[in-house]
Amino acid sequence: MAARGTGHRRILVGAGSYADARAALAILERLAGFGISDIGGVFLEDRGMMEAAAPGLCALVSPRGALRGVPSRHGLRRMWQSDARAFREQLMQLAARQSLRWSFERLPGDPVADLCGAAQSWDWLLIGHLPAGRHAGKVVGIAHEDGGPDGVAELTGVLAQSLRTGVELIPDTTPEVDILSRVGRLHAAAVVVDAATGPFRTSGQIRALLDVARCPVLVLGAGRLPGLVEHSTQIPQPPDPAPG
């Protein structure tokens, strides 16, 4: 459950750019009342972008559909270094404000698949994505119709209240294709799902949800996400809870 109060809940925050990381950390800041004790930040350098930054290519399509020039590999590394430094600094400041333990890694990997694989040792996974709209839309929760034990509905409501926006609850019994279509029509501020009980349980499904939502996605029950056999990105275990 996502019950509020004290505890040792650990949350992993991942992003492939500072803009995406900043959007995720803005959501994380509003989760202080949910017993979070440890936060981990992971800046993942997209291998696909590095491969695209090859001689002879003049443009690529960004994850948001924009056509832009392809930086050199050296330029891409410099951009990632700057973004990762800014991500780490903001994560560290947030941890200091809320007296949380924190860790940070900058690694090559897939911004969704490798994060889902790494998140098995954490309680929640928050994937950063800069919201598409200028104005904050609703917070979307994919939850049990009766409220259920997963805590998605409660957490969705708290986030919406904190962001001063509305709530959109979608029953998790709705066909996946219909959920994606409905989310895609919204200008969501954030989406909350539970990998333990909901319909989005694989990295492919989470990627599809992120693609249509175009905003941060918070995955509860992250330990239920399937691991990747070929997973090569080594993300450290979260720190052990303090004794007592």
C-alpha atoms as a PDB file:
ATOM      1  CA  MET A   1       0.000   0.000   0.000  1.00  0.00           C
ATOM      2  CA  ALA A   2       0.993   3.619  -0.379  1.00  0.00           C
ATOM      3  CA  ALA A   3      -0.031   4.501   3.169  1.00  0.00           C
ATOM      4  CA  ARG A   4       1.185   7.806   4.480  1.00  0.00           C
ATOM      5  CA  GLY A   5       3.353   8.153   7.561  1.00  0.00           C
ATOM      6  CA  THR A   6       6.776   7.057   8.705  1.00  0.00           C
ATOM      7  CA  GLY A   7       8.615   4.160   7.145  1.00  0.00           C
ATOM      8  CA  HIS A   8      11.550   3.098   5.053  1.00  0.00           C
ATOM      9  CA  ARG A   9      10.125   3.415   1.573  1.00  0.00           C
ATOM     10  CA  ARG A  10      12.807   3.719  -1.114  1.00  0.00           C
ATOM     11  CA  ILE A  11      12.247   5.412  -4.441  1.00  0.00           C
ATOM     12  CA  LEU A  12      14.419   5.328  -7.560  1.00  0.00           C
ATOM     13  CA  VAL A  13      14.235   8.364  -9.858  1.00  0.00           C
ATOM     14  CA  GLY A  14      15.500   7.987 -13.404  1.00  0.00           C
ATOM     15  CA  ALA A  15      15.867  10.342 -16.345  1.00  0.00           C
ATOM     16  CA  GLY A  16      17.865  10.825 -19.519  1.00  0.00           C
ATOM     17  CA  SER A  17      17.995  14.618 -19.416  1.00  0.00           C
ATOM     18  CA  TYR A  18      17.945  17.344 -16.810  1.00  0.00           C
ATOM     19  CA  ALA A  19      14.581  18.611 -18.074  1.00  0.00           C
ATOM     20  CA  ASP A  20      13.054  15.167 -17.504  1.00  0.00           C
ATOM     21  CA  ALA A  21      14.815  14.823 -14.134  1.00  0.00           C
ATOM     22  CA  ARG A  22      13.545  18.209 -12.950  1.00  0.00           C
ATOM     23  CA  ALA A  23       9.958  17.213 -13.796  1.00  0.00           C
ATOM     24  CA  ALA A  24      10.364  13.993 -11.801  1.00  0.00           C
ATOM     25  CA  LEU A  25      11.935  15.727  -8.805  1.00  0.00           C
ATOM     26  CA  ALA A  26       9.050  18.211  -8.716  1.00  0.00           C
ATOM     27  CA  ILE A  27       6.755  15.225  -8.207  1.00  0.00           C
ATOM     28  CA  LEU A  28       9.110  13.600  -5.701  1.00  0.00           C
ATOM     29  CA  GLU A  29       9.100  16.761  -3.581  1.00  0.00           C
ATOM     30  CA  ARG A  30       5.375  16.233  -3.009  1.00  0.00           C
ATOM     31  CA  LEU A  31       5.749  12.657  -1.730  1.00  0.00           C
ATOM     32  CA  ALA A  32       7.407  13.566   1.564  1.00  0.00           C
ATOM     33  CA  GLY A  33       4.446  12.376   3.632  1.00  0.00           C
ATOM     34  CA  PHE A  34       4.599   8.825   2.306  1.00  0.00           C
ATOM     35  CA  GLY A  35       7.380   7.435   4.480  1.00  0.00           C
ATOM     36  CA  ILE A  36      10.230   7.883   2.020  1.00  0.00           C
ATOM     37  CA  SER A  37      13.627   7.359   3.633  1.00  0.00           C
ATOM     38  CA  ASP A  38      15.918   6.787   0.619  1.00  0.00           C
ATOM     39  CA  ILE A  39      16.046   8.286  -2.847  1.00  0.00           C
ATOM     40  CA  GLY A  40      18.259   7.156  -5.677  1.00  0.00           C
ATOM     41  CA  GLY A  41      18.933   9.123  -8.817  1.00  0.00           C
ATOM     42  CA  VAL A  42      20.009   7.496 -12.056  1.00  0.00           C
ATOM     43  CA  PHE A  43      20.991   9.488 -15.129  1.00  0.00           C
ATOM     44  CA  LEU A  44      20.876   7.099 -18.075  1.00  0.00           C
ATOM     45  CA  GLU A  45      22.774   7.997 -21.220  1.00  0.00           C
ATOM     46  CA  ASP A  46      20.688   6.681 -24.077  1.00  0.00           C
ATOM     47  CA  ARG A  47      22.786   4.261 -26.129  1.00  0.00           C
ATOM     48  CA  GLY A  48      20.504   4.790 -29.114  1.00  0.00           C
ATOM     49  CA  MET A  49      21.276   8.510 -29.176  1.00  0.00           C
ATOM     50  CA  MET A  50      25.003   7.802 -28.955  1.00  0.00           C
ATOM     51  CA  GLU A  51      24.781   5.403 -31.893  1.00  0.00           C
ATOM     52  CA  ALA A  52      22.830   8.020 -33.860  1.00  0.00           C
ATOM     53  CA  ALA A  53      25.528  10.614 -33.228  1.00  0.00           C
ATOM     54  CA  ALA A  54      27.652   9.190 -36.015  1.00  0.00           C
ATOM     55  CA  PRO A  55      29.303  10.840 -39.036  1.00  0.00           C
ATOM     56  CA  GLY A  56      26.956  11.308 -41.971  1.00  0.00           C
ATOM     57  CA  LEU A  57      23.784  11.873 -39.932  1.00  0.00           C
ATOM     58  CA  CYS A  58      22.458  15.417 -39.880  1.00  0.00           C
ATOM     59  CA  ALA A  59      19.290  15.133 -37.788  1.00  0.00           C
ATOM     60  CA  LEU A  60      17.348  12.834 -35.522  1.00  0.00           C
ATOM     61  CA  VAL A  61      13.836  12.732 -34.071  1.00  0.00           C
ATOM     62  CA  SER A  62      13.742  13.366 -30.342  1.00  0.00           C
ATOM     63  CA  PRO A  63      11.526  11.293 -27.996  1.00  0.00           C
ATOM     64  CA  ARG A  64       9.013  14.132 -28.239  1.00  0.00           C
ATOM     65  CA  GLY A  65       8.939  14.090 -32.030  1.00  0.00           C
ATOM     66  CA  ALA A  66      11.013  17.184 -32.688  1.00  0.00           C
ATOM     67  CA  LEU A  67      13.533  17.156 -35.517  1.00  0.00           C
ATOM     68  CA  ARG A  68      16.877  18.441 -34.339  1.00  0.00           C
ATOM     69  CA  GLY A  69      20.494  18.411 -35.323  1.00  0.00           C
ATOM     70  CA  VAL A  70      22.604  15.513 -34.146  1.00  0.00           C
ATOM     71  CA  PRO A  71      25.447  16.602 -31.862  1.00  0.00           C
ATOM     72  CA  SER A  72      28.793  14.925 -32.178  1.00  0.00           C
ATOM     73  CA  ARG A  73      29.531  12.154 -29.735  1.00  0.00           C
ATOM     74  CA  HIS A  74      31.843  14.502 -27.904  1.00  0.00           C
ATOM     75  CA  GLY A  75      29.107  17.129 -27.766  1.00  0.00           C
ATOM     76  CA  LEU A  76      26.598  14.557 -26.546  1.00  0.00           C
ATOM     77  CA  ARG A  77      28.939  13.463 -23.746  1.00  0.00           C
ATOM     78  CA  ARG A  78      29.429  17.096 -22.681  1.00  0.00           C
ATOM     79  CA  MET A  79      25.672  17.694 -22.681  1.00  0.00           C
ATOM     80  CA  TRP A  80      25.079  14.560 -20.601  1.00  0.00           C
ATOM     81  CA  GLN A  81      27.815  15.551 -18.170  1.00  0.00           C
ATOM     82  CA  SER A  82      26.198  18.936 -17.618  1.00  0.00           C
ATOM     83  CA  ASP A  83      22.686  17.481 -17.285  1.00  0.00           C
ATOM     84  CA  ALA A  84      23.820  14.743 -14.899  1.00  0.00           C
ATOM     85  CA  ARG A  85      25.621  17.284 -12.703  1.00  0.00           C
ATOM     86  CA  ALA A  86      22.486  19.436 -12.479  1.00  0.00           C
ATOM     87  CA  PHE A  87      20.312  16.357 -11.737  1.00  0.00           C
ATOM     88  CA  ARG A  88      22.665  15.243  -8.955  1.00  0.00           C
ATOM     89  CA  GLU A  89      22.777  18.709  -7.409  1.00  0.00           C
ATOM     90  CA  GLN A  90      19.002  19.057  -7.299  1.00  0.00           C
ATOM     91  CA  LEU A  91      18.588  15.525  -5.910  1.00  0.00           C
ATOM     92  CA  MET A  92      21.154  16.256  -3.198  1.00  0.00           C
ATOM     93  CA  GLN A  93      19.402  19.496  -2.252  1.00  0.00           C
ATOM     94  CA  LEU A  94      16.023  17.777  -2.051  1.00  0.00           C
ATOM     95  CA  ALA A  95      17.497  15.032   0.154  1.00  0.00           C
ATOM     96  CA  ALA A  96      19.019  17.645   2.453  1.00  0.00           C
ATOM     97  CA  ARG A  97      15.726  19.534   2.789  1.00  0.00           C
ATOM     98  CA  GLN A  98      13.844  16.382   3.723  1.00  0.00           C
ATOM     99  CA  SER A  99      16.651  14.600   5.663  1.00  0.00           C
ATOM    100  CA  LEU A 100      16.739  11.628   3.291  1.00  0.00           C
ATOM    101  CA  ARG A 101      19.543   9.261   2.394  1.00  0.00           C
ATOM    102  CA  TRP A 102      20.471   9.531  -1.265  1.00  0.00           C
ATOM    103  CA  SER A 103      22.644   8.033  -3.981  1.00  0.00           C
ATOM    104  CA  PHE A 104      23.324   8.953  -7.574  1.00  0.00           C
ATOM    105  CA  GLU A 105      24.739   7.208 -10.643  1.00  0.00           C
ATOM    106  CA  ARG A 106      25.443   8.269 -14.220  1.00  0.00           C
ATOM    107  CA  LEU A 107      25.385   5.239 -16.501  1.00  0.00           C
ATOM    108  CA  PRO A 108      24.833   4.159 -20.100  1.00  0.00           C
ATOM    109  CA  GLY A 109      21.558   2.374 -20.656  1.00  0.00           C
ATOM    110  CA  ASP A 110      18.005   2.418 -21.925  1.00  0.00           C
ATOM    111  CA  PRO A 111      15.988   5.148 -20.144  1.00  0.00           C
ATOM    112  CA  VAL A 112      13.042   2.791 -19.575  1.00  0.00           C
ATOM    113  CA  ALA A 113      14.089  -0.849 -19.857  1.00  0.00           C
ATOM    114  CA  ASP A 114      17.233  -0.541 -17.752  1.00  0.00           C
ATOM    115  CA  LEU A 115      15.416   1.525 -15.149  1.00  0.00           C
ATOM    116  CA  CYS A 116      12.678  -1.094 -14.849  1.00  0.00           C
ATOM    117  CA  GLY A 117      15.301  -3.813 -14.468  1.00  0.00           C
ATOM    118  CA  ALA A 118      17.177  -1.873 -11.796  1.00  0.00           C
ATOM    119  CA  ALA A 119      14.042  -0.898  -9.881  1.00  0.00           C
ATOM    120  CA  GLN A 120      13.475  -4.437  -8.573  1.00  0.00           C
ATOM    121  CA  SER A 121      15.488  -3.591  -5.468  1.00  0.00           C
ATOM    122  CA  TRP A 122      13.466  -0.427  -4.795  1.00  0.00           C
ATOM    123  CA  ASP A 123       9.892   0.146  -3.655  1.00  0.00           C
ATOM    124  CA  TRP A 124       8.833   2.778  -6.176  1.00  0.00           C
ATOM    125  CA  LEU A 125      10.159   3.912  -9.542  1.00  0.00           C
ATOM    126  CA  LEU A 126       9.672   7.465 -10.795  1.00  0.00           C
ATOM    127  CA  ILE A 127      10.528   7.952 -14.465  1.00  0.00           C
ATOM    128  CA  GLY A 128      11.103  11.552 -15.464  1.00  0.00           C
ATOM    129  CA  HIS A 129       9.547  13.114 -18.538  1.00  0.00           C
ATOM    130  CA  LEU A 130       9.050  16.808 -19.213  1.00  0.00           C
ATOM    131  CA  PRO A 131       5.262  17.373 -19.478  1.00  0.00           C
ATOM    132  CA  ALA A 132       4.144  18.189 -22.994  1.00  0.00           C
ATOM    133  CA  GLY A 133       1.748  21.002 -22.081  1.00  0.00           C
ATOM    134  CA  ARG A 134       2.563  24.406 -20.641  1.00  0.00           C
ATOM    135  CA  HIS A 135      -0.175  24.114 -18.026  1.00  0.00           C
ATOM    136  CA  ALA A 136      -0.371  21.347 -15.454  1.00  0.00           C
ATOM    137  CA  GLY A 137      -3.020  18.831 -16.382  1.00  0.00           C
ATOM    138  CA  LYS A 138      -4.682  16.271 -14.158  1.00  0.00           C
ATOM    139  CA  VAL A 139      -2.916  13.602 -12.168  1.00  0.00           C
ATOM    140  CA  VAL A 140      -3.968  10.263 -13.645  1.00  0.00           C
ATOM    141  CA  GLY A 141      -4.257   7.129 -11.546  1.00  0.00           C
ATOM    142  CA  ILE A 142      -4.834   3.651 -12.972  1.00  0.00           C
ATOM    143  CA  ALA A 143      -6.511   2.081  -9.977  1.00  0.00           C
ATOM    144  CA  HIS A 144      -9.005  -0.432  -8.646  1.00  0.00           C
ATOM    145  CA  GLU A 145     -12.570   0.734  -9.124  1.00  0.00           C
ATOM    146  CA  ASP A 146     -13.275   0.309  -5.398  1.00  0.00           C
ATOM    147  CA  GLY A 147     -10.130   2.166  -4.313  1.00  0.00           C
ATOM    148  CA  GLY A 148      -8.420  -1.155  -3.633  1.00  0.00           C
ATOM    149  CA  PRO A 149      -5.432  -1.883  -1.426  1.00  0.00           C
ATOM    150  CA  ASP A 150      -2.750  -0.598  -3.798  1.00  0.00           C
ATOM    151  CA  GLY A 151      -2.996   3.042  -2.669  1.00  0.00           C
ATOM    152  CA  VAL A 152      -3.003   4.429  -6.224  1.00  0.00           C
ATOM    153  CA  ALA A 153      -6.230   6.378  -5.786  1.00  0.00           C
ATOM    154  CA  GLU A 154      -5.082   7.935  -2.510  1.00  0.00           C
ATOM    155  CA  LEU A 155      -1.678   8.886  -3.865  1.00  0.00           C
ATOM    156  CA  THR A 156      -3.221  10.314  -7.042  1.00  0.00           C
ATOM    157  CA  GLY A 157      -5.508  12.492  -4.958  1.00  0.00           C
ATOM    158  CA  VAL A 158      -2.710  13.763  -2.736  1.00  0.00           C
ATOM    159  CA  LEU A 159      -0.516  14.643  -5.716  1.00  0.00           C
ATOM    160  CA  ALA A 160      -3.381  16.413  -7.452  1.00  0.00           C
ATOM    161  CA  GLN A 161      -4.157  18.443  -4.335  1.00  0.00           C
ATOM    162  CA  SER A 162      -0.499  19.394  -3.949  1.00  0.00           C
ATOM    163  CA  LEU A 163      -0.275  20.414  -7.610  1.00  0.00           C
ATOM    164  CA  ARG A 164      -3.626  22.221  -7.389  1.00  0.00           C
ATOM    165  CA  THR A 165      -5.055  20.275 -10.250  1.00  0.00           C
ATOM    166  CA  GLY A 166      -7.685  17.605 -10.864  1.00  0.00           C
ATOM    167  CA  VAL A 167      -7.804  13.830 -10.662  1.00  0.00           C
ATOM    168  CA  GLU A 168      -8.517  11.352 -13.434  1.00  0.00           C
ATOM    169  CA  LEU A 169      -8.987   7.775 -12.198  1.00  0.00           C
ATOM    170  CA  ILE A 170      -9.076   5.022 -14.806  1.00  0.00           C
ATOM    171  CA  PRO A 171     -10.228   1.550 -13.687  1.00  0.00           C
ATOM    172  CA  ASP A 172      -7.405  -0.973 -14.042  1.00  0.00           C
ATOM    173  CA  THR A 173      -9.913  -3.409 -15.549  1.00  0.00           C
ATOM    174  CA  THR A 174     -10.103  -1.196 -18.633  1.00  0.00           C
ATOM    175  CA  PRO A 175      -8.393  -2.792 -21.670  1.00  0.00           C
ATOM    176  CA  GLU A 176      -4.788  -1.641 -21.956  1.00  0.00           C
ATOM    177  CA  VAL A 177      -5.260  -0.163 -25.420  1.00  0.00           C
ATOM    178  CA  ASP A 178      -8.178   1.923 -24.151  1.00  0.00           C
ATOM    179  CA  ILE A 179      -6.163   3.160 -21.162  1.00  0.00           C
ATOM    180  CA  LEU A 180      -3.350   4.261 -23.454  1.00  0.00           C
ATOM    181  CA  SER A 181      -5.791   6.010 -25.768  1.00  0.00           C
ATOM    182  CA  ARG A 182      -7.463   7.828 -22.876  1.00  0.00           C
ATOM    183  CA  VAL A 183      -4.178   8.886 -21.266  1.00  0.00           C
ATOM    184  CA  GLY A 184      -2.924  10.083 -24.635  1.00  0.00           C
ATOM    185  CA  ARG A 185      -5.847  12.509 -24.920  1.00  0.00           C
ATOM    186  CA  LEU A 186      -5.042  14.123 -21.568  1.00  0.00           C
ATOM    187  CA  HIS A 187      -2.404  16.704 -20.732  1.00  0.00           C
ATOM    188  CA  ALA A 188      -1.402  14.812 -17.616  1.00  0.00           C
ATOM    189  CA  ALA A 189       0.831  16.245 -14.904  1.00  0.00           C
ATOM    190  CA  ALA A 190       1.767  12.750 -13.707  1.00  0.00           C
ATOM    191  CA  VAL A 191       0.553   9.169 -13.988  1.00  0.00           C
ATOM    192  CA  VAL A 192       0.448   6.697 -11.084  1.00  0.00           C
ATOM    193  CA  VAL A 193       0.311   2.925 -11.602  1.00  0.00           C
ATOM    194  CA  ASP A 194       1.013  -0.182  -9.538  1.00  0.00           C
ATOM    195  CA  ALA A 195       3.124  -2.912 -11.142  1.00  0.00           C
ATOM    196  CA  ALA A 196       2.004  -5.401  -8.486  1.00  0.00           C
ATOM    197  CA  THR A 197      -1.706  -5.208  -9.217  1.00  0.00           C
ATOM    198  CA  GLY A 198      -2.277  -3.141 -12.346  1.00  0.00           C
ATOM    199  CA  PRO A 199      -2.104  -3.898 -16.053  1.00  0.00           C
ATOM    200  CA  PHE A 200       1.274  -2.215 -16.683  1.00  0.00           C
ATOM    201  CA  ARG A 201       3.873  -4.725 -15.494  1.00  0.00           C
ATOM    202  CA  THR A 202       6.636  -4.956 -18.105  1.00  0.00           C
ATOM    203  CA  SER A 203       9.194  -2.464 -19.358  1.00  0.00           C
ATOM    204  CA  GLY A 204       7.484  -2.485 -22.774  1.00  0.00           C
ATOM    205  CA  GLN A 205       4.136  -1.618 -21.212  1.00  0.00           C
ATOM    206  CA  ILE A 206       5.698   1.099 -19.045  1.00  0.00           C
ATOM    207  CA  ARG A 207       7.427   2.553 -22.120  1.00  0.00           C
ATOM    208  CA  ALA A 208       4.132   2.623 -24.029  1.00  0.00           C
ATOM    209  CA  LEU A 209       2.478   4.398 -21.103  1.00  0.00           C
ATOM    210  CA  LEU A 210       5.303   6.945 -20.837  1.00  0.00           C
ATOM    211  CA  ASP A 211       5.164   7.597 -24.586  1.00  0.00           C
ATOM    212  CA  VAL A 212       1.470   8.505 -24.546  1.00  0.00           C
ATOM    213  CA  ALA A 213       1.456  10.223 -21.129  1.00  0.00           C
ATOM    214  CA  ARG A 214       4.407  12.540 -21.896  1.00  0.00           C
ATOM    215  CA  CYS A 215       4.850  13.327 -18.208  1.00  0.00           C
ATOM    216  CA  PRO A 216       6.467  11.679 -15.150  1.00  0.00           C
ATOM    217  CA  VAL A 217       5.220   8.151 -14.435  1.00  0.00           C
ATOM    218  CA  LEU A 218       5.270   6.848 -10.854  1.00  0.00           C
ATOM    219  CA  VAL A 219       5.333   3.053 -10.589  1.00  0.00           C
ATOM    220  CA  LEU A 220       4.395   1.576  -7.219  1.00  0.00           C
ATOM    221  CA  GLY A 221       5.321  -2.038  -6.525  1.00  0.00           C
ATOM    222  CA  ALA A 222       8.512  -1.594  -8.545  1.00  0.00           C
ATOM    223  CA  GLY A 223       9.884  -4.863  -7.170  1.00  0.00           C
ATOM    224  CA  ARG A 224       7.334  -6.695  -9.321  1.00  0.00           C
ATOM    225  CA  LEU A 225       8.754  -5.338 -12.563  1.00  0.00           C
ATOM    226  CA  PRO A 226      10.433  -8.185 -14.462  1.00  0.00           C
ATOM    227  CA  GLY A 227      14.222  -8.183 -14.545  1.00  0.00           C
ATOM    228  CA  LEU A 228      16.199  -8.191 -17.761  1.00  0.00           C
ATOM    229  CA  VAL A 229      18.286 -11.285 -18.437  1.00  0.00           C
ATOM    230  CA  GLU A 230      20.607  -9.233 -20.608  1.00  0.00           C
ATOM    231  CA  HIS A 231      20.624  -6.342 -18.140  1.00  0.00           C
ATOM    232  CA  SER A 232      24.136  -4.900 -18.024  1.00  0.00           C
ATOM    233  CA  THR A 233      23.607  -1.571 -16.288  1.00  0.00           C
ATOM    234  CA  GLN A 234      24.795  -2.049 -12.717  1.00  0.00           C
ATOM    235  CA  ILE A 235      22.836   0.269 -10.465  1.00  0.00           C
ATOM    236  CA  PRO A 236      23.734   0.023  -6.781  1.00  0.00           C
ATOM    237  CA  GLN A 237      21.377  -1.385  -4.179  1.00  0.00           C
ATOM    238  CA  PRO A 238      19.653   1.241  -2.060  1.00  0.00           C
ATOM    239  CA  PRO A 239      21.251   1.868   1.318  1.00  0.00           C
ATOM    240  CA  ASP A 240      20.135  -0.245   4.245  1.00  0.00           C
ATOM    241  CA  PRO A 241      17.625   1.439   6.562  1.00  0.00           C
ATOM    242  CA  ALA A 242      19.177   2.976   9.642  1.00  0.00           C
ATOM    243  CA  PRO A 243      18.915   0.742  12.740  1.00  0.00           C
ATOM    244  CA  GLY A 244      16.109   1.395  15.146  1.00  0.00           C
END
